[in-house]
PDB file of N, CA and C in Angstrom:
ATOM      1  N   MET A   1      16.138 -29.186 -10.063  1.00  0.00           N
ATOM      2  CA  MET A   1      14.597 -28.770  -9.842  1.00  0.00           C
ATOM      3  C   MET A   1      13.965 -28.759 -10.939  1.00  0.00           C
ATOM      4  N   SER A   2      12.675 -29.327 -10.697  1.00  0.00           N
ATOM      5  CA  SER A   2      11.708 -29.157 -11.781  1.00  0.00           C
ATOM      6  C   SER A   2      11.136 -27.873 -12.317  1.00  0.00           C
ATOM      7  N   GLY A   3      10.487 -27.619 -13.416  1.00  0.00           N
ATOM      8  CA  GLY A   3      10.089 -26.500 -13.931  1.00  0.00           C
ATOM      9  C   GLY A   3       8.870 -25.947 -12.842  1.00  0.00           C
ATOM     10  N   ASN A   4       8.116 -27.049 -12.174  1.00  0.00           N
ATOM     11  CA  ASN A   4       7.191 -26.590 -11.358  1.00  0.00           C
ATOM     12  C   ASN A   4       7.720 -26.162 -10.048  1.00  0.00           C
ATOM     13  N   GLY A   5       8.672 -26.780  -9.600  1.00  0.00           N
ATOM     14  CA  GLY A   5       9.426 -26.361  -8.264  1.00  0.00           C
ATOM     15  C   GLY A   5       9.837 -24.786  -8.575  1.00  0.00           C
ATOM     16  N   GLN A   6      10.444 -24.388  -9.504  1.00  0.00           N
ATOM     17  CA  GLN A   6      10.987 -23.079  -9.953  1.00  0.00           C
ATOM     18  C   GLN A   6       9.737 -21.998  -9.698  1.00  0.00           C
ATOM     19  N   VAL A   7       8.666 -22.315 -10.452  1.00  0.00           N
ATOM     20  CA  VAL A   7       7.505 -21.479 -10.163  1.00  0.00           C
ATOM     21  C   VAL A   7       7.130 -21.482  -9.090  1.00  0.00           C
ATOM     22  N   ARG A   8       7.066 -22.466  -8.321  1.00  0.00           N
ATOM     23  CA  ARG A   8       6.636 -22.254  -6.740  1.00  0.00           C
ATOM     24  C   ARG A   8       7.554 -21.181  -6.039  1.00  0.00           C
ATOM     25  N   HIS A   9       8.721 -21.523  -6.481  1.00  0.00           N
ATOM     26  CA  HIS A   9       9.929 -20.651  -5.471  1.00  0.00           C
ATOM     27  C   HIS A   9       9.531 -19.354  -5.951  1.00  0.00           C
ATOM     28  N   VAL A  10       9.551 -18.802  -7.231  1.00  0.00           N
ATOM     29  CA  VAL A  10       9.090 -17.558  -7.602  1.00  0.00           C
ATOM     30  C   VAL A  10       8.106 -16.896  -7.033  1.00  0.00           C
ATOM     31  N   LEU A  11       7.035 -17.785  -7.075  1.00  0.00           N
ATOM     32  CA  LEU A  11       5.780 -17.295  -6.387  1.00  0.00           C
ATOM     33  C   LEU A  11       5.876 -17.085  -4.981  1.00  0.00           C
ATOM     34  N   TRP A  12       6.486 -17.995  -4.222  1.00  0.00           N
ATOM     35  CA  TRP A  12       6.559 -17.632  -2.886  1.00  0.00           C
ATOM     36  C   TRP A  12       7.699 -16.417  -2.546  1.00  0.00           C
ATOM     37  N   ARG A  13       8.666 -16.240  -3.424  1.00  0.00           N
ATOM     38  CA  ARG A  13       9.304 -14.960  -3.490  1.00  0.00           C
ATOM     39  C   ARG A  13       8.768 -13.863  -3.400  1.00  0.00           C
ATOM     40  N   ARG A  14       8.019 -13.802  -4.564  1.00  0.00           N
ATOM     41  CA  ARG A  14       7.042 -12.552  -4.778  1.00  0.00           C
ATOM     42  C   ARG A  14       6.082 -12.370  -3.688  1.00  0.00           C
ATOM     43  N   VAL A  15       5.487 -13.443  -2.956  1.00  0.00           N
ATOM     44  CA  VAL A  15       4.341 -13.268  -1.817  1.00  0.00           C
ATOM     45  C   VAL A  15       5.233 -12.864  -0.508  1.00  0.00           C
ATOM     46  N   GLY A  16       6.325 -13.327  -0.592  1.00  0.00           N
ATOM     47  CA  GLY A  16       7.313 -12.516   0.572  1.00  0.00           C
ATOM     48  C   GLY A  16       7.609 -11.249   0.418  1.00  0.00           C
ATOM     49  N   ASP A  17       7.904 -10.985  -0.694  1.00  0.00           N
ATOM     50  CA  ASP A  17       8.488  -9.555  -0.951  1.00  0.00           C
ATOM     51  C   ASP A  17       7.289  -8.613  -0.759  1.00  0.00           C
ATOM     52  N   ASN A  18       6.015  -9.166  -1.313  1.00  0.00           N
ATOM     53  CA  ASN A  18       4.868  -8.162  -1.116  1.00  0.00           C
ATOM     54  C   ASN A  18       4.644  -8.069   0.333  1.00  0.00           C
ATOM     55  N   ALA A  19       4.526  -9.199   1.167  1.00  0.00           N
ATOM     56  CA  ALA A  19       4.390  -9.252   2.582  1.00  0.00           C
ATOM     57  C   ALA A  19       5.229  -8.006   3.212  1.00  0.00           C
ATOM     58  N   LEU A  20       6.524  -8.089   3.154  1.00  0.00           N
ATOM     59  CA  LEU A  20       7.592  -7.140   3.460  1.00  0.00           C
ATOM     60  C   LEU A  20       7.083  -5.756   3.178  1.00  0.00           C
ATOM     61  N   ARG A  21       6.579  -5.624   1.798  1.00  0.00           N
ATOM     62  CA  ARG A  21       6.292  -4.231   1.524  1.00  0.00           C
ATOM     63  C   ARG A  21       4.974  -3.845   2.450  1.00  0.00           C
ATOM     64  N   LEU A  22       4.208  -4.614   2.508  1.00  0.00           N
ATOM     65  CA  LEU A  22       2.886  -4.343   3.270  1.00  0.00           C
ATOM     66  C   LEU A  22       3.276  -3.896   4.731  1.00  0.00           C
ATOM     67  N   ILE A  23       3.940  -4.963   5.481  1.00  0.00           N
ATOM     68  CA  ILE A  23       4.546  -4.443   6.761  1.00  0.00           C
ATOM     69  C   ILE A  23       5.147  -2.974   6.747  1.00  0.00           C
ATOM     70  N   ALA A  24       6.137  -2.844   5.731  1.00  0.00           N
ATOM     71  CA  ALA A  24       6.795  -1.634   5.916  1.00  0.00           C
ATOM     72  C   ALA A  24       5.828  -0.524   5.333  1.00  0.00           C
ATOM     73  N   ALA A  25       4.799  -0.748   4.934  1.00  0.00           N
ATOM     74  CA  ALA A  25       3.780   0.534   4.285  1.00  0.00           C
ATOM     75  C   ALA A  25       2.669   0.814   5.387  1.00  0.00           C
ATOM     76  N   LEU A  26       2.140  -0.122   6.128  1.00  0.00           N
ATOM     77  CA  LEU A  26       1.281  -0.007   6.965  1.00  0.00           C
ATOM     78  C   LEU A  26       1.863   0.445   8.540  1.00  0.00           C
ATOM     79  N   PRO A  27       1.926  -0.712   9.130  1.00  0.00           N
ATOM     80  CA  PRO A  27       2.416  -0.415  10.725  1.00  0.00           C
ATOM     81  C   PRO A  27       3.814   0.379  10.866  1.00  0.00           C
ATOM     82  N   LEU A  28       4.735   0.154   9.942  1.00  0.00           N
ATOM     83  CA  LEU A  28       6.153   0.769   9.981  1.00  0.00           C
ATOM     84  C   LEU A  28       5.969   2.219   9.418  1.00  0.00           C
ATOM     85  N   GLY A  29       5.186   2.477   8.495  1.00  0.00           N
ATOM     86  CA  GLY A  29       5.029   3.736   7.872  1.00  0.00           C
ATOM     87  C   GLY A  29       4.348   4.753   9.083  1.00  0.00           C
ATOM     88  N   TYR A  30       3.160   3.853   9.643  1.00  0.00           N
ATOM     89  CA  TYR A  30       2.534   4.761  10.789  1.00  0.00           C
ATOM     90  C   TYR A  30       3.466   5.132  12.002  1.00  0.00           C
ATOM     91  N   ALA A  31       4.407   3.995  12.366  1.00  0.00           N
ATOM     92  CA  ALA A  31       5.160   4.163  13.453  1.00  0.00           C
ATOM     93  C   ALA A  31       6.201   5.191  13.009  1.00  0.00           C
ATOM     94  N   VAL A  32       6.736   5.338  11.930  1.00  0.00           N
ATOM     95  CA  VAL A  32       7.781   6.158  11.402  1.00  0.00           C
ATOM     96  C   VAL A  32       7.051   7.643  11.426  1.00  0.00           C
ATOM     97  N   ALA A  33       5.868   7.830  11.124  1.00  0.00           N
ATOM     98  CA  ALA A  33       5.266   9.182  11.056  1.00  0.00           C
ATOM     99  C   ALA A  33       5.256   9.669  12.460  1.00  0.00           C
ATOM    100  N   SER A  34       4.724   8.621  13.329  1.00  0.00           N
ATOM    101  CA  SER A  34       4.519   9.052  14.524  1.00  0.00           C
ATOM    102  C   SER A  34       5.868   9.617  15.335  1.00  0.00           C
ATOM    103  N   LEU A  35       6.751   8.845  15.097  1.00  0.00           N
ATOM    104  CA  LEU A  35       8.077   9.362  15.671  1.00  0.00           C
ATOM    105  C   LEU A  35       8.507  10.699  14.919  1.00  0.00           C
ATOM    106  N   TRP A  36       8.291  10.909  13.726  1.00  0.00           N
ATOM    107  CA  TRP A  36       8.771  12.237  13.233  1.00  0.00           C
ATOM    108  C   TRP A  36       7.680  13.218  13.789  1.00  0.00           C
ATOM    109  N   SER A  37       6.521  12.947  14.164  1.00  0.00           N
ATOM    110  CA  SER A  37       5.741  13.845  14.681  1.00  0.00           C
ATOM    111  C   SER A  37       6.194  14.346  16.134  1.00  0.00           C
ATOM    112  N   MET A  38       6.494  13.300  16.737  1.00  0.00           N
ATOM    113  CA  MET A  38       7.158  13.751  18.214  1.00  0.00           C
ATOM    114  C   MET A  38       8.304  14.730  17.998  1.00  0.00           C
ATOM    115  N   ALA A  39       9.270  14.124  17.239  1.00  0.00           N
ATOM    116  CA  ALA A  39      10.502  14.821  16.886  1.00  0.00           C
ATOM    117  C   ALA A  39      10.355  16.255  16.489  1.00  0.00           C
ATOM    118  N   LEU A  40       9.395  16.417  15.509  1.00  0.00           N
ATOM    119  CA  LEU A  40       9.340  17.868  14.929  1.00  0.00           C
ATOM    120  C   LEU A  40       8.482  18.675  16.184  1.00  0.00           C
ATOM    121  N   ALA A  41       7.616  17.893  16.669  1.00  0.00           N
ATOM    122  CA  ALA A  41       7.062  18.877  17.757  1.00  0.00           C
ATOM    123  C   ALA A  41       7.911  19.365  18.951  1.00  0.00           C
ATOM    124  N   ARG A  42       8.974  18.743  18.829  1.00  0.00           N
ATOM    125  CA  ARG A  42      10.084  19.040  20.101  1.00  0.00           C
ATOM    126  C   ARG A  42      11.019  20.141  19.400  1.00  0.00           C
ATOM    127  N   ILE A  43      11.259  19.976  18.273  1.00  0.00           N
ATOM    128  CA  ILE A  43      12.384  20.850  17.699  1.00  0.00           C
ATOM    129  C   ILE A  43      12.113  22.064  16.922  1.00  0.00           C
ATOM    130  N   LEU A  44      10.636  22.019  16.502  1.00  0.00           N
ATOM    131  CA  LEU A  44      10.039  23.231  15.615  1.00  0.00           C
ATOM    132  C   LEU A  44      10.010  24.443  16.657  1.00  0.00           C
ATOM    133  N   PRO A  45      10.400  25.740  15.973  1.00  0.00           N
ATOM    134  CA  PRO A  45      10.098  26.814  16.940  1.00  0.00           C
ATOM    135  C   PRO A  45       9.006  27.272  16.778  1.00  0.00           C
ATOM    136  N   GLY A  46       8.505  27.976  18.321  1.00  0.00           N
ATOM    137  CA  GLY A  46       7.325  28.677  18.259  1.00  0.00           C
ATOM    138  C   GLY A  46       6.362  28.045  19.392  1.00  0.00           C
ATOM    139  N   ASP A  47       4.978  28.188  19.646  1.00  0.00           N
ATOM    140  CA  ASP A  47       4.217  28.099  20.497  1.00  0.00           C
ATOM    141  C   ASP A  47       3.975  26.466  20.519  1.00  0.00           C
ATOM    142  N   PRO A  48       4.091  25.969  21.799  1.00  0.00           N
ATOM    143  CA  PRO A  48       3.964  24.291  21.639  1.00  0.00           C
ATOM    144  C   PRO A  48       2.472  23.897  20.886  1.00  0.00           C
ATOM    145  N   VAL A  49       1.659  24.773  21.048  1.00  0.00           N
ATOM    146  CA  VAL A  49       0.332  23.987  20.420  1.00  0.00           C
ATOM    147  C   VAL A  49       0.436  24.184  18.854  1.00  0.00           C
ATOM    148  N   GLN A  50       1.119  25.339  18.451  1.00  0.00           N
ATOM    149  CA  GLN A  50       1.111  25.466  16.938  1.00  0.00           C
ATOM    150  C   GLN A  50       2.242  24.423  16.331  1.00  0.00           C
ATOM    151  N   THR A  51       3.402  24.153  17.286  1.00  0.00           N
ATOM    152  CA  THR A  51       4.412  23.112  16.856  1.00  0.00           C
ATOM    153  C   THR A  51       3.707  21.713  16.697  1.00  0.00           C
ATOM    154  N   THR A  52       2.801  21.548  17.635  1.00  0.00           N
ATOM    155  CA  THR A  52       2.216  20.065  17.832  1.00  0.00           C
ATOM    156  C   THR A  52       1.467  19.850  16.307  1.00  0.00           C
ATOM    157  N   VAL A  53       0.685  20.928  16.275  1.00  0.00           N
ATOM    158  CA  VAL A  53      -0.248  20.995  15.103  1.00  0.00           C
ATOM    159  C   VAL A  53       0.477  20.883  13.807  1.00  0.00           C
ATOM    160  N   ALA A  54       1.437  21.641  13.641  1.00  0.00           N
ATOM    161  CA  ALA A  54       2.229  21.518  12.278  1.00  0.00           C
ATOM    162  C   ALA A  54       2.958  20.030  12.431  1.00  0.00           C
ATOM    163  N   ALA A  55       3.453  19.619  13.577  1.00  0.00           N
ATOM    164  CA  ALA A  55       4.146  18.366  13.156  1.00  0.00           C
ATOM    165  C   ALA A  55       3.102  17.304  12.821  1.00  0.00           C
ATOM    166  N   ALA A  56       1.967  17.323  13.424  1.00  0.00           N
ATOM    167  CA  ALA A  56       0.986  16.335  13.071  1.00  0.00           C
ATOM    168  C   ALA A  56       0.540  16.678  11.787  1.00  0.00           C
ATOM    169  N   LEU A  57       0.567  17.681  10.993  1.00  0.00           N
ATOM    170  CA  LEU A  57       0.195  17.761   9.643  1.00  0.00           C
ATOM    171  C   LEU A  57       1.440  17.191   8.950  1.00  0.00           C
ATOM    172  N   ILE A  58       2.512  17.551   9.237  1.00  0.00           N
ATOM    173  CA  ILE A  58       3.717  17.058   8.555  1.00  0.00           C
ATOM    174  C   ILE A  58       3.791  15.502   8.488  1.00  0.00           C
ATOM    175  N   ALA A  59       3.438  14.935   9.683  1.00  0.00           N
ATOM    176  CA  ALA A  59       3.513  13.431   9.983  1.00  0.00           C
ATOM    177  C   ALA A  59       2.453  12.863   8.897  1.00  0.00           C
ATOM    178  N   LEU A  60       1.510  13.595   8.524  1.00  0.00           N
ATOM    179  CA  LEU A  60       0.275  13.084   7.511  1.00  0.00           C
ATOM    180  C   LEU A  60       1.216  12.689   6.178  1.00  0.00           C
ATOM    181  N   VAL A  61       1.895  13.679   5.807  1.00  0.00           N
ATOM    182  CA  VAL A  61       2.621  13.602   4.580  1.00  0.00           C
ATOM    183  C   VAL A  61       3.581  12.400   4.653  1.00  0.00           C
ATOM    184  N   ILE A  62       4.347  12.597   5.785  1.00  0.00           N
ATOM    185  CA  ILE A  62       5.602  11.474   5.938  1.00  0.00           C
ATOM    186  C   ILE A  62       4.797   9.930   5.794  1.00  0.00           C
ATOM    187  N   CYS A  63       3.807   9.790   6.351  1.00  0.00           N
ATOM    188  CA  CYS A  63       3.000   8.376   6.331  1.00  0.00           C
ATOM    189  C   CYS A  63       2.680   8.034   5.057  1.00  0.00           C
ATOM    190  N   ALA A  64       2.036   9.268   4.350  1.00  0.00           N
ATOM    191  CA  ALA A  64       1.835   8.826   2.794  1.00  0.00           C
ATOM    192  C   ALA A  64       3.008   8.648   2.021  1.00  0.00           C
ATOM    193  N   ALA A  65       4.207   9.313   2.277  1.00  0.00           N
ATOM    194  CA  ALA A  65       5.477   9.063   1.596  1.00  0.00           C
ATOM    195  C   ALA A  65       6.077   7.730   1.938  1.00  0.00           C
ATOM    196  N   ALA A  66       6.093   7.256   3.231  1.00  0.00           N
ATOM    197  CA  ALA A  66       6.392   6.124   3.744  1.00  0.00           C
ATOM    198  C   ALA A  66       5.476   4.739   2.953  1.00  0.00           C
ATOM    199  N   ALA A  67       4.494   5.191   2.860  1.00  0.00           N
ATOM    200  CA  ALA A  67       3.848   4.100   2.280  1.00  0.00           C
ATOM    201  C   ALA A  67       4.093   3.941   0.695  1.00  0.00           C
ATOM    202  N   MET A  68       4.217   5.043   0.047  1.00  0.00           N
ATOM    203  CA  MET A  68       4.657   4.836  -1.358  1.00  0.00           C
ATOM    204  C   MET A  68       5.901   4.774  -1.470  1.00  0.00           C
ATOM    205  N   TRP A  69       6.829   4.744  -0.599  1.00  0.00           N
ATOM    206  CA  TRP A  69       8.341   4.421  -0.689  1.00  0.00           C
ATOM    207  C   TRP A  69       8.601   2.916  -0.433  1.00  0.00           C
ATOM    208  N   ALA A  70       7.350   2.262   0.285  1.00  0.00           N
ATOM    209  CA  ALA A  70       7.329   0.987   0.538  1.00  0.00           C
ATOM    210  C   ALA A  70       7.128   0.091  -0.669  1.00  0.00           C
ATOM    211  N   TYR A  71       6.416   0.571  -1.588  1.00  0.00           N
ATOM    212  CA  TYR A  71       6.047  -0.024  -2.860  1.00  0.00           C
ATOM    213  C   TYR A  71       6.965   0.397  -4.118  1.00  0.00           C
ATOM    214  N   ALA A  72       7.531   1.625  -3.894  1.00  0.00           N
ATOM    215  CA  ALA A  72       8.592   2.138  -4.893  1.00  0.00           C
ATOM    216  C   ALA A  72      10.072   1.486  -4.831  1.00  0.00           C
ATOM    217  N   ALA A  73      10.291   1.059  -3.472  1.00  0.00           N
ATOM    218  CA  ALA A  73      11.710   0.740  -3.345  1.00  0.00           C
ATOM    219  C   ALA A  73      12.053  -0.705  -4.248  1.00  0.00           C
ATOM    220  N   ARG A  74      13.335  -0.787  -4.367  1.00  0.00           N
ATOM    221  CA  ARG A  74      13.814  -1.895  -5.211  1.00  0.00           C
ATOM    222  C   ARG A  74      13.137  -3.275  -4.637  1.00  0.00           C
ATOM    223  N   SER A  75      13.492  -3.369  -3.443  1.00  0.00           N
ATOM    224  CA  SER A  75      13.030  -4.810  -2.875  1.00  0.00           C
ATOM    225  C   SER A  75      12.138  -4.575  -1.421  1.00  0.00           C
ATOM    226  N   GLY A  76      11.573  -5.532  -0.891  1.00  0.00           N
ATOM    227  CA  GLY A  76      10.740  -5.474   0.272  1.00  0.00           C
ATOM    228  C   GLY A  76      11.669  -4.909   1.355  1.00  0.00           C
ATOM    229  N   TRP A  77      12.939  -5.816   1.520  1.00  0.00           N
ATOM    230  CA  TRP A  77      14.038  -5.684   2.474  1.00  0.00           C
ATOM    231  C   TRP A  77      14.562  -4.168   2.651  1.00  0.00           C
ATOM    232  N   ARG A  78      14.741  -3.455   1.220  1.00  0.00           N
ATOM    233  CA  ARG A  78      15.234  -2.120   1.187  1.00  0.00           C
ATOM    234  C   ARG A  78      14.255  -1.220   1.769  1.00  0.00           C
ATOM    235  N   ALA A  79      13.078  -1.614   1.403  1.00  0.00           N
ATOM    236  CA  ALA A  79      11.865  -0.607   1.969  1.00  0.00           C
ATOM    237  C   ALA A  79      11.824  -0.542   3.591  1.00  0.00           C
ATOM    238  N   LEU A  80      11.684  -1.837   3.959  1.00  0.00           N
ATOM    239  CA  LEU A  80      11.751  -2.111   5.573  1.00  0.00           C
ATOM    240  C   LEU A  80      13.061  -1.637   6.183  1.00  0.00           C
ATOM    241  N   TRP A  81      14.245  -1.642   5.689  1.00  0.00           N
ATOM    242  CA  TRP A  81      15.370  -1.075   6.537  1.00  0.00           C
ATOM    243  C   TRP A  81      15.661   0.360   6.325  1.00  0.00           C
ATOM    244  N   THR A  82      15.085   0.890   5.155  1.00  0.00           N
ATOM    245  CA  THR A  82      14.991   2.366   5.094  1.00  0.00           C
ATOM    246  C   THR A  82      14.205   2.946   6.143  1.00  0.00           C
ATOM    247  N   LEU A  83      13.100   2.489   6.143  1.00  0.00           N
ATOM    248  CA  LEU A  83      11.928   2.952   7.043  1.00  0.00           C
ATOM    249  C   LEU A  83      12.389   2.870   8.577  1.00  0.00           C
ATOM    250  N   VAL A  84      12.833   1.777   8.887  1.00  0.00           N
ATOM    251  CA  VAL A  84      13.671   1.295  10.300  1.00  0.00           C
ATOM    252  C   VAL A  84      14.513   2.416  10.559  1.00  0.00           C
ATOM    253  N   VAL A  85      15.514   2.721   9.563  1.00  0.00           N
ATOM    254  CA  VAL A  85      16.688   3.885   9.684  1.00  0.00           C
ATOM    255  C   VAL A  85      16.150   5.211   9.919  1.00  0.00           C
ATOM    256  N   ALA A  86      14.878   5.553   9.068  1.00  0.00           N
ATOM    257  CA  ALA A  86      14.181   7.041   9.281  1.00  0.00           C
ATOM    258  C   ALA A  86      13.507   7.113  10.592  1.00  0.00           C
ATOM    259  N   GLY A  87      12.948   5.835  11.229  1.00  0.00           N
ATOM    260  CA  GLY A  87      12.315   5.912  12.589  1.00  0.00           C
ATOM    261  C   GLY A  87      13.498   5.879  13.646  1.00  0.00           C
ATOM    262  N   ALA A  88      14.506   5.333  13.390  1.00  0.00           N
ATOM    263  CA  ALA A  88      15.796   5.496  14.165  1.00  0.00           C
ATOM    264  C   ALA A  88      16.189   6.780  14.455  1.00  0.00           C
ATOM    265  N   VAL A  89      16.409   7.633  13.341  1.00  0.00           N
ATOM    266  CA  VAL A  89      16.693   8.930  13.323  1.00  0.00           C
ATOM    267  C   VAL A  89      15.716   9.781  14.155  1.00  0.00           C
ATOM    268  N   ALA A  90      14.671   9.553  13.722  1.00  0.00           N
ATOM    269  CA  ALA A  90      13.373  10.471  14.491  1.00  0.00           C
ATOM    270  C   ALA A  90      13.570  10.085  16.154  1.00  0.00           C
ATOM    271  N   ALA A  91      13.711   8.706  16.565  1.00  0.00           N
ATOM    272  CA  ALA A  91      13.811   8.561  17.970  1.00  0.00           C
ATOM    273  C   ALA A  91      14.982   9.123  18.435  1.00  0.00           C
ATOM    274  N   GLY A  92      16.193   9.203  17.853  1.00  0.00           N
ATOM    275  CA  GLY A  92      17.416   9.482  18.205  1.00  0.00           C
ATOM    276  C   GLY A  92      17.265  11.191  18.497  1.00  0.00           C
ATOM    277  N   ILE A  93      16.378  11.689  17.824  1.00  0.00           N
ATOM    278  CA  ILE A  93      16.077  13.133  18.010  1.00  0.00           C
ATOM    279  C   ILE A  93      15.381  13.350  19.063  1.00  0.00           C
ATOM    280  N   CYS A  94      14.468  12.665  19.066  1.00  0.00           N
ATOM    281  CA  CYS A  94      13.381  12.497  20.429  1.00  0.00           C
ATOM    282  C   CYS A  94      14.132  12.552  21.603  1.00  0.00           C
ATOM    283  N   TRP A  95      15.113  11.521  21.561  1.00  0.00           N
ATOM    284  CA  TRP A  95      15.868  11.222  22.932  1.00  0.00           C
ATOM    285  C   TRP A  95      16.821  12.172  23.339  1.00  0.00           C
ATOM    286  N   GLY A  96      17.245  12.687  22.177  1.00  0.00           N
ATOM    287  CA  GLY A  96      18.380  13.594  22.297  1.00  0.00           C
ATOM    288  C   GLY A  96      17.923  15.066  22.894  1.00  0.00           C
ATOM    289  N   SER A  97      16.704  15.470  22.391  1.00  0.00           N
ATOM    290  CA  SER A  97      15.967  16.706  22.943  1.00  0.00           C
ATOM    291  C   SER A  97      15.610  16.441  24.121  1.00  0.00           C
ATOM    292  N   ILE A  98      15.157  15.395  24.592  1.00  0.00           N
ATOM    293  CA  ILE A  98      14.550  14.993  25.958  1.00  0.00           C
ATOM    294  C   ILE A  98      15.876  15.081  26.987  1.00  0.00           C
ATOM    295  N   ALA A  99      16.928  14.524  26.475  1.00  0.00           N
ATOM    296  CA  ALA A  99      18.241  14.607  27.179  1.00  0.00           C
ATOM    297  C   ALA A  99      18.854  15.970  27.501  1.00  0.00           C
ATOM    298  N   ILE A 100      18.749  16.827  26.284  1.00  0.00           N
ATOM    299  CA  ILE A 100      19.171  18.042  26.404  1.00  0.00           C
ATOM    300  C   ILE A 100      18.089  19.155  27.065  1.00  0.00           C
ATOM    301  N   TRP A 101      17.151  19.232  26.776  1.00  0.00           N
ATOM    302  CA  TRP A 101      16.304  20.142  27.203  1.00  0.00           C
ATOM    303  C   TRP A 101      15.248  19.531  28.308  1.00  0.00           C
ATOM    304  N   GLY A 102      15.109  18.486  28.597  1.00  0.00           N
ATOM    305  CA  GLY A 102      14.246  17.828  29.371  1.00  0.00           C
ATOM    306  C   GLY A 102      12.950  17.653  28.635  1.00  0.00           C
ATOM    307  N   ARG A 103      12.023  17.129  29.512  1.00  0.00           N
ATOM    308  CA  ARG A 103      10.453  17.086  29.232  1.00  0.00           C
ATOM    309  C   ARG A 103       9.794  18.365  29.408  1.00  0.00           C
ATOM    310  N   ILE A 104       8.716  18.488  28.459  1.00  0.00           N
ATOM    311  CA  ILE A 104       8.111  19.709  28.319  1.00  0.00           C
ATOM    312  C   ILE A 104       6.856  19.640  29.259  1.00  0.00           C
TER     313      ILE A 104
END
């Protein structure tokens, strides 16, 4: 492979890594924050209105933290899969609380 081909390979690898980080930061970060908002609204103690507001405020912090994590992670794939796992945990909490306590 010539020197020019290696430069192109590294360039496309960087572009792909940045694209993964962008996908992890924006739509996936928002989805993870929404899932955690639903999970926290169901499991926090208190009045349903207060827990919903508290969960929404915490979700704002989670959304910002997810975006920061997406660019602080070692690679784009690690950022993507870490946020997928965080969203799956929140979805499991939502599903489990609905299965146990039913819908509100």
